[in-house]
């Protein structure tokens, strides 16, 4: 049984409870408090620090590669694809507006994509024309053959540059978002798992244990890949992204963020180290999981990619290996909607949470 002091402070009823303290949850909290400063907002996170994909990613500020945009347009149509590209572009601009680059190691130094055939190059002009109204650039994607040698990617056929993409430090971004939340008087329960939600006529009750609960007028799920227990009707497929990081490499030529094979492979320099992730298309079934593990099969495959494509004829040692859990679906459009009278969700960010979450936070704030 709780004391009167706890019930009137920590466990008092809130206007809004957000479940999940990753990028989407924190941006939603910030957007709501900026729009409705009088509203009380509580964020509940089951882990000691946010996991999922927010602190387990590769530190990409993703705009989207050429082949990825082409593939999305073929799958979803140009209208939905451009809407998604616009959200990512504006999301990255919002991060830039809110935080100083040196606070989060934010570098919009350009992204690149390796191509080993010229099939996508035939659509280069078409894609650039479509993106012109979003980026304001005559050519969002350009062929940069001279940089292949500069970056030490000698075995690559073609290299496409995109100035709208970059990298950042995911942990530092999450810390700055938390600081902003505290500044706005957002409250937090960390290390607290939500067991069930009971929606009633006048309120929703979030059960944290058999004897402990907290009530709110509205609930927002920002649980991304871990949403299926709350939203059984929605198509949310967990997708594990495995990553490795090398020890420092003397004379590393690589500089920037890079994609290969419709974004299934992604790598970047982290100072004079190489960070490489992806390859789940080599083993979709195994990687459709919420388990934070790395597998010998995929890590070996990533090392082969590292040796053949990124660091041919160079020595390296692996310093770290980790994995994060993304949320996918049959298409990349996020699920941001009202589920019932008092419950809302902002989930399935398709591995683009860094760029999408700032815009999704605003959409949720308008929706409630």
Protein backbone atom coordinates (compact mmCIF):
# COMPACT_ATOMS: atom_id res chain seq x y z
CA UNK A 1 0.00 0.00 0.00
CA UNK A 2 1.31 3.45 -0.93
CA UNK A 3 1.54 6.42 1.40
CA UNK A 4 -0.52 9.56 0.95
CA UNK A 5 2.73 11.38 0.05
CA UNK A 6 3.44 9.01 -2.86
CA UNK A 7 -0.14 9.01 -4.09
CA UNK A 8 -0.30 12.81 -4.19
CA UNK A 9 3.07 13.25 -5.93
CA UNK A 10 4.75 10.39 -7.85
CA UNK A 11 1.60 8.35 -8.48
CA UNK A 12 -0.88 11.18 -8.94
CA UNK A 13 -3.00 11.30 -12.08
CA UNK A 14 -1.34 12.95 -15.12
CA UNK A 15 -2.80 14.54 -18.23
CA UNK A 16 -0.62 12.39 -20.48
CA UNK A 17 1.48 9.27 -19.99
CA UNK A 18 4.01 8.34 -22.68
CA UNK A 19 5.25 4.74 -22.67
CA UNK A 20 8.82 4.54 -23.98
CA UNK A 21 11.70 7.00 -23.48
CA UNK A 22 13.46 6.61 -26.80
CA UNK A 23 13.67 9.28 -29.48
CA UNK A 24 9.97 9.19 -30.38
CA UNK A 25 8.85 9.27 -26.74
CA UNK A 26 11.11 12.17 -25.79
CA UNK A 27 10.31 14.25 -28.89
CA UNK A 28 6.59 13.62 -28.25
CA UNK A 29 6.99 14.82 -24.65
CA UNK A 30 8.87 17.95 -25.76
CA UNK A 31 6.35 18.79 -28.49
CA UNK A 32 3.39 18.34 -26.12
CA UNK A 33 4.92 20.48 -23.35
CA UNK A 34 5.86 23.22 -25.80
CA UNK A 35 2.36 23.25 -27.27
CA UNK A 36 0.50 22.73 -23.95
CA UNK A 37 2.85 23.82 -21.12
CA UNK A 38 0.09 23.42 -18.53
CA UNK A 39 -0.28 19.68 -19.26
CA UNK A 40 1.41 17.21 -16.92
CA UNK A 41 3.43 14.60 -18.81
CA UNK A 42 4.91 11.39 -17.37
CA UNK A 43 7.24 9.16 -19.42
CA UNK A 44 7.52 5.52 -18.36
CA UNK A 45 10.56 3.50 -19.48
CA UNK A 46 11.12 -0.12 -18.48
CA UNK A 47 14.92 -0.01 -18.73
CA UNK A 48 17.55 1.92 -16.78
CA UNK A 49 18.39 3.74 -20.04
CA UNK A 50 16.49 3.73 -23.32
CA UNK A 51 17.33 0.68 -25.42
CA UNK A 52 15.46 -0.47 -28.52
CA UNK A 53 17.11 1.35 -31.38
CA UNK A 54 17.67 4.80 -29.86
CA UNK A 55 20.96 4.04 -28.09
CA UNK A 56 21.79 0.86 -30.02
CA UNK A 57 21.92 2.28 -33.54
CA UNK A 58 24.78 3.30 -35.83
CA UNK A 59 24.54 7.06 -35.24
CA UNK A 60 23.19 7.95 -38.69
CA UNK A 61 21.19 11.10 -39.36
CA UNK A 62 19.36 9.38 -42.20
CA UNK A 63 17.90 11.21 -45.17
CA UNK A 64 17.74 8.14 -47.42
CA UNK A 65 19.93 6.75 -50.18
CA UNK A 66 19.13 6.88 -53.90
CA UNK A 67 18.31 3.17 -54.26
CA UNK A 68 16.26 3.29 -51.04
CA UNK A 69 14.13 6.16 -52.35
CA UNK A 70 13.67 4.37 -55.68
CA UNK A 71 12.70 1.11 -53.92
CA UNK A 72 10.24 2.97 -51.66
CA UNK A 73 8.62 4.71 -54.63
CA UNK A 74 8.12 1.38 -56.37
CA UNK A 75 6.59 -0.13 -53.24
CA UNK A 76 4.55 2.78 -51.81
CA UNK A 77 4.20 5.20 -54.72
CA UNK A 78 5.80 8.63 -55.02
CA UNK A 79 3.29 10.49 -52.84
CA UNK A 80 3.98 8.46 -49.69
CA UNK A 81 7.71 8.27 -50.45
CA UNK A 82 8.07 12.04 -50.80
CA UNK A 83 6.03 12.61 -47.64
CA UNK A 84 8.44 10.34 -45.77
CA UNK A 85 11.55 11.98 -47.28
CA UNK A 86 10.16 15.40 -46.31
CA UNK A 87 9.62 14.26 -42.71
CA UNK A 88 13.21 13.00 -42.49
CA UNK A 89 14.63 16.17 -44.05
CA UNK A 90 12.64 18.46 -41.72
CA UNK A 91 13.40 16.23 -38.72
CA UNK A 92 17.15 16.63 -39.27
CA UNK A 93 16.70 20.40 -39.64
CA UNK A 94 14.82 20.46 -36.32
CA UNK A 95 17.66 18.62 -34.54
CA UNK A 96 20.06 21.19 -35.98
CA UNK A 97 17.82 24.01 -34.72
CA UNK A 98 17.42 22.63 -31.18
CA UNK A 99 20.98 21.57 -30.42
CA UNK A 100 24.47 22.83 -31.15
CA UNK A 101 26.36 20.47 -33.41
CA UNK A 102 29.26 20.04 -30.97
CA UNK A 103 26.84 19.03 -28.18
CA UNK A 104 25.74 15.90 -30.07
CA UNK A 105 28.67 15.43 -32.52
CA UNK A 106 26.26 16.33 -35.33
CA UNK A 107 27.86 16.48 -38.76
CA UNK A 108 25.78 17.01 -41.89
CA UNK A 109 28.90 16.29 -43.90
CA UNK A 110 27.09 14.36 -46.59
CA UNK A 111 26.12 10.77 -47.18
CA UNK A 112 27.24 8.40 -49.91
CA UNK A 113 25.97 5.25 -51.56
CA UNK A 114 28.04 2.58 -53.25
CA UNK A 115 26.58 1.13 -56.46
CA UNK A 116 27.99 -1.80 -58.38
CA UNK A 117 25.78 -1.41 -61.46
CA UNK A 118 24.35 1.59 -63.33
CA UNK A 119 20.68 0.57 -63.17
CA UNK A 120 19.74 3.21 -60.56
CA UNK A 121 21.73 5.91 -62.38
CA UNK A 122 19.11 5.84 -65.13
CA UNK A 123 16.60 7.26 -62.62
CA UNK A 124 18.94 9.86 -61.12
CA UNK A 125 17.42 12.85 -62.94
CA UNK A 126 13.86 11.73 -62.18
CA UNK A 127 14.55 11.35 -58.45
CA UNK A 128 16.39 14.70 -58.28
CA UNK A 129 13.45 16.44 -59.94
CA UNK A 130 11.03 14.87 -57.44
CA UNK A 131 13.15 15.92 -54.43
CA UNK A 132 13.84 19.48 -55.58
CA UNK A 133 10.80 20.92 -53.76
CA UNK A 134 11.91 19.27 -50.49
CA UNK A 135 15.65 19.91 -50.39
CA UNK A 136 15.77 23.07 -52.52
CA UNK A 137 18.64 21.52 -54.46
CA UNK A 138 18.83 21.11 -58.22
CA UNK A 139 20.64 17.82 -57.63
CA UNK A 140 20.12 16.07 -54.29
CA UNK A 141 22.05 13.04 -55.57
CA UNK A 142 25.19 13.41 -57.69
CA UNK A 143 27.74 10.96 -59.08
CA UNK A 144 31.14 11.43 -57.36
CA UNK A 145 33.53 8.97 -58.99
CA UNK A 146 36.62 10.92 -57.91
CA UNK A 147 35.85 10.23 -54.23
CA UNK A 148 36.05 6.44 -54.62
CA UNK A 149 39.84 6.58 -54.50
CA UNK A 150 39.82 9.37 -51.89
CA UNK A 151 37.86 7.18 -49.46
CA UNK A 152 39.84 4.02 -50.23
CA UNK A 153 36.82 2.27 -51.77
CA UNK A 154 38.73 1.04 -54.81
CA UNK A 155 36.55 -2.01 -55.46
CA UNK A 156 33.36 0.06 -55.87
CA UNK A 157 31.95 0.86 -59.33
CA UNK A 158 29.96 4.04 -58.61
CA UNK A 159 29.61 6.49 -55.69
CA UNK A 160 26.57 8.73 -55.21
CA UNK A 161 26.77 11.75 -52.91
CA UNK A 162 23.87 13.27 -50.97
CA UNK A 163 24.59 16.46 -48.96
CA UNK A 164 21.46 16.15 -46.78
CA UNK A 165 22.68 13.24 -44.65
CA UNK A 166 25.11 13.05 -41.77
CA UNK A 167 26.02 11.47 -38.47
CA UNK A 168 25.68 12.13 -34.75
CA UNK A 169 26.29 10.63 -31.31
CA UNK A 170 23.04 8.87 -30.38
CA UNK A 171 23.81 8.78 -26.66
CA UNK A 172 24.58 12.51 -26.54
CA UNK A 173 21.41 13.32 -28.50
CA UNK A 174 19.33 11.31 -26.04
CA UNK A 175 21.00 13.12 -23.12
CA UNK A 176 20.23 16.54 -24.62
CA UNK A 177 16.61 15.50 -25.23
CA UNK A 178 16.38 14.45 -21.58
CA UNK A 179 17.81 17.80 -20.48
CA UNK A 180 15.16 19.55 -22.60
CA UNK A 181 12.44 17.37 -21.04
CA UNK A 182 13.60 18.22 -17.51
CA UNK A 183 13.66 21.89 -18.45
CA UNK A 184 10.02 21.58 -19.56
CA UNK A 185 9.07 19.75 -16.33
CA UNK A 186 8.46 16.36 -17.96
CA UNK A 187 8.52 13.60 -15.31
CA UNK A 188 10.00 10.11 -15.63
CA UNK A 189 9.70 6.60 -14.24
CA UNK A 190 12.78 4.61 -15.30
CA UNK A 191 13.19 0.88 -14.67
CA UNK A 192 9.40 0.54 -14.64
CA UNK A 193 7.52 -1.90 -16.85
CA UNK A 194 3.92 -1.38 -17.91
CA UNK A 195 1.95 -4.59 -17.33
CA UNK A 196 -1.52 -3.67 -18.62
CA UNK A 197 -3.64 -0.66 -19.57
CA UNK A 198 -7.23 -0.37 -18.40
CA UNK A 199 -9.21 2.26 -20.30
CA UNK A 200 -12.30 3.60 -18.55
CA UNK A 201 -14.87 6.23 -19.44
CA UNK A 202 -13.12 9.10 -17.64
CA UNK A 203 -9.48 7.98 -17.56
CA UNK A 204 -6.94 5.31 -18.43
CA UNK A 205 -5.15 3.33 -15.73
CA UNK A 206 -1.60 2.11 -16.30
CA UNK A 207 -0.85 -0.94 -14.14
CA UNK A 208 2.80 -1.24 -13.12
CA UNK A 209 2.29 -4.20 -10.76
CA UNK A 210 -0.58 -6.00 -9.03
CA UNK A 211 -0.86 -3.24 -6.44
CA UNK A 212 0.63 -0.21 -8.20
CA UNK A 213 -0.85 1.95 -10.96
CA UNK A 214 -0.96 5.50 -12.24
CA UNK A 215 -3.81 7.17 -14.12
CA UNK A 216 -3.95 9.62 -17.03
CA UNK A 217 -6.39 11.26 -19.41
CA UNK A 218 -4.42 10.02 -22.42
CA UNK A 219 -1.80 7.35 -23.14
CA UNK A 220 0.74 7.46 -25.99
CA UNK A 221 2.68 4.35 -26.99
CA UNK A 222 6.18 5.14 -28.24
CA UNK A 223 7.40 1.58 -27.92
CA UNK A 224 8.38 0.99 -31.58
CA UNK A 225 9.50 -2.66 -32.06
CA UNK A 226 8.21 -3.61 -28.61
CA UNK A 227 4.61 -2.58 -29.35
CA UNK A 228 2.97 -5.88 -30.32
CA UNK A 229 1.87 -6.68 -26.75
CA UNK A 230 -0.09 -3.41 -26.68
CA UNK A 231 -1.18 -3.27 -30.36
CA UNK A 232 -1.91 -6.76 -31.60
CA UNK A 233 -3.83 -5.51 -34.66
CA UNK A 234 -0.97 -3.43 -36.10
CA UNK A 235 1.72 -4.77 -38.42
CA UNK A 236 4.91 -4.25 -36.41
CA UNK A 237 7.80 -6.55 -37.30
CA UNK A 238 10.93 -6.40 -35.11
CA UNK A 239 14.17 -6.18 -37.07
CA UNK A 240 17.51 -6.56 -35.34
CA UNK A 241 20.39 -4.51 -36.68
CA UNK A 242 23.83 -5.90 -35.84
CA UNK A 243 26.82 -3.57 -35.67
CA UNK A 244 30.58 -3.80 -35.24
CA UNK A 245 33.22 -1.16 -34.51
CA UNK A 246 36.93 -1.40 -35.26
CA UNK A 247 39.88 -0.30 -33.17
CA UNK A 248 41.50 2.97 -34.40
CA UNK A 249 43.04 2.61 -37.87
CA UNK A 250 46.12 4.63 -38.83
CA UNK A 251 45.60 6.70 -41.97
CA UNK A 252 41.89 5.87 -42.34
CA UNK A 253 40.66 7.51 -45.55
CA UNK A 254 36.94 7.00 -44.95
CA UNK A 255 34.98 10.16 -44.05
CA UNK A 256 31.20 10.43 -43.90
CA UNK A 257 28.22 8.06 -43.87
CA UNK A 258 27.79 5.33 -46.47
CA UNK A 259 25.05 2.99 -47.69
CA UNK A 260 25.01 -0.08 -49.87
CA UNK A 261 22.25 -2.37 -51.22
CA UNK A 262 19.16 -0.18 -50.62
CA UNK A 263 20.45 0.77 -47.16
CA UNK A 264 20.72 -2.83 -45.89
CA UNK A 265 24.42 -2.13 -45.25
CA UNK A 266 25.53 1.10 -43.59
CA UNK A 267 28.92 2.26 -42.43
CA UNK A 268 30.69 5.42 -41.32
CA UNK A 269 33.87 6.66 -39.75
CA UNK A 270 33.83 7.32 -36.03
CA UNK A 271 36.98 9.40 -35.79
CA UNK A 272 39.63 7.02 -37.14
CA UNK A 273 37.53 3.91 -36.54
CA UNK A 274 35.01 2.21 -38.85
CA UNK A 275 31.47 1.49 -37.66
CA UNK A 276 29.59 -1.02 -39.83
CA UNK A 277 26.08 -2.41 -39.48
CA UNK A 278 23.34 -4.22 -41.33
CA UNK A 279 23.27 -7.27 -43.56
CA UNK A 280 20.01 -8.57 -42.08
CA UNK A 281 18.79 -9.30 -45.62
CA UNK A 282 21.23 -12.24 -45.49
CA UNK A 283 19.19 -13.83 -42.67
CA UNK A 284 15.79 -12.13 -42.40
CA UNK A 285 14.16 -14.88 -40.34
CA UNK A 286 16.78 -14.95 -37.56
CA UNK A 287 16.95 -11.15 -37.39
CA UNK A 288 13.17 -10.82 -36.94
CA UNK A 289 13.56 -10.76 -33.16
CA UNK A 290 13.59 -8.52 -30.09
CA UNK A 291 16.62 -10.30 -28.59
CA UNK A 292 19.66 -8.06 -28.10
CA UNK A 293 22.30 -10.45 -29.34
CA UNK A 294 24.86 -10.75 -32.12
CA UNK A 295 25.20 -13.89 -34.22
CA UNK A 296 28.38 -15.53 -35.45
CA UNK A 297 26.91 -15.87 -38.95
CA UNK A 298 26.09 -12.19 -39.45
CA UNK A 299 29.14 -10.83 -37.65
CA UNK A 300 31.36 -12.99 -39.87
CA UNK A 301 29.46 -11.72 -42.91
CA UNK A 302 29.93 -8.09 -41.80
CA UNK A 303 33.66 -8.68 -41.32
CA UNK A 304 33.90 -10.08 -44.85
CA UNK A 305 32.12 -6.96 -46.14
CA UNK A 306 34.51 -4.80 -44.11
CA UNK A 307 37.52 -6.61 -45.58
CA UNK A 308 36.32 -6.66 -49.20
CA UNK A 309 34.53 -3.32 -49.63
CA UNK A 310 35.63 -0.84 -46.95
CA UNK A 311 39.16 -1.78 -45.94
CA UNK A 312 40.67 -3.83 -48.77
CA UNK A 313 44.32 -4.68 -48.10
CA UNK A 314 44.22 -3.08 -44.62
CA UNK A 315 44.71 -4.57 -41.18
CA UNK A 316 42.04 -4.02 -38.54
CA UNK A 317 40.82 -5.32 -35.19
CA UNK A 318 37.24 -5.37 -33.89
CA UNK A 319 36.72 -3.44 -30.65
CA UNK A 320 32.95 -3.73 -30.07
CA UNK A 321 29.90 -5.62 -31.33
CA UNK A 322 26.26 -4.81 -30.47
CA UNK A 323 22.72 -4.89 -31.80
CA UNK A 324 19.61 -2.70 -31.73
CA UNK A 325 15.98 -3.50 -32.49
CA UNK A 326 14.11 -1.58 -35.19
CA UNK A 327 10.43 -1.86 -36.17
CA UNK A 328 9.44 -2.60 -39.77
CA UNK A 329 6.31 -3.28 -41.77
CA UNK A 330 5.26 -4.07 -45.33
CA UNK A 331 5.87 -0.38 -46.05
CA UNK A 332 7.97 2.29 -44.33
CA UNK A 333 5.21 4.72 -43.33
CA UNK A 334 5.22 5.13 -39.53
CA UNK A 335 2.08 4.26 -37.57
CA UNK A 336 0.97 7.47 -35.88
CA UNK A 337 -2.70 7.37 -34.98
CA UNK A 338 -5.45 7.33 -32.38
CA UNK A 339 -6.21 3.78 -31.24
CA UNK A 340 -9.18 4.49 -28.99
CA UNK A 341 -10.78 7.34 -27.08
CA UNK A 342 -7.75 7.72 -24.78
CA UNK A 343 -4.92 5.80 -26.46
CA UNK A 344 -2.57 6.90 -29.22
CA UNK A 345 0.59 5.52 -30.79
CA UNK A 346 3.73 6.66 -32.64
CA UNK A 347 5.57 3.51 -33.66
CA UNK A 348 7.23 1.59 -36.55
CA UNK A 349 9.93 4.08 -37.54
CA UNK A 350 11.65 1.64 -39.95
CA UNK A 351 15.20 2.33 -38.76
CA UNK A 352 14.84 6.08 -39.40
CA UNK A 353 13.93 7.17 -35.87
CA UNK A 354 16.68 9.79 -35.49
CA UNK A 355 15.30 11.78 -38.43
CA UNK A 356 11.58 10.94 -38.14
CA UNK A 357 11.02 11.31 -34.37
CA UNK A 358 11.22 15.15 -34.24
CA UNK A 359 8.40 15.44 -36.79
CA UNK A 360 6.39 12.56 -35.34
CA UNK A 361 6.48 14.29 -31.95
CA UNK A 362 4.75 17.31 -33.48
CA UNK A 363 2.13 15.15 -35.20
CA UNK A 364 1.29 13.43 -31.90
CA UNK A 365 1.07 16.77 -30.08
CA UNK A 366 -1.43 18.01 -32.66
CA UNK A 367 -3.36 14.73 -32.55
CA UNK A 368 -4.01 14.70 -28.79
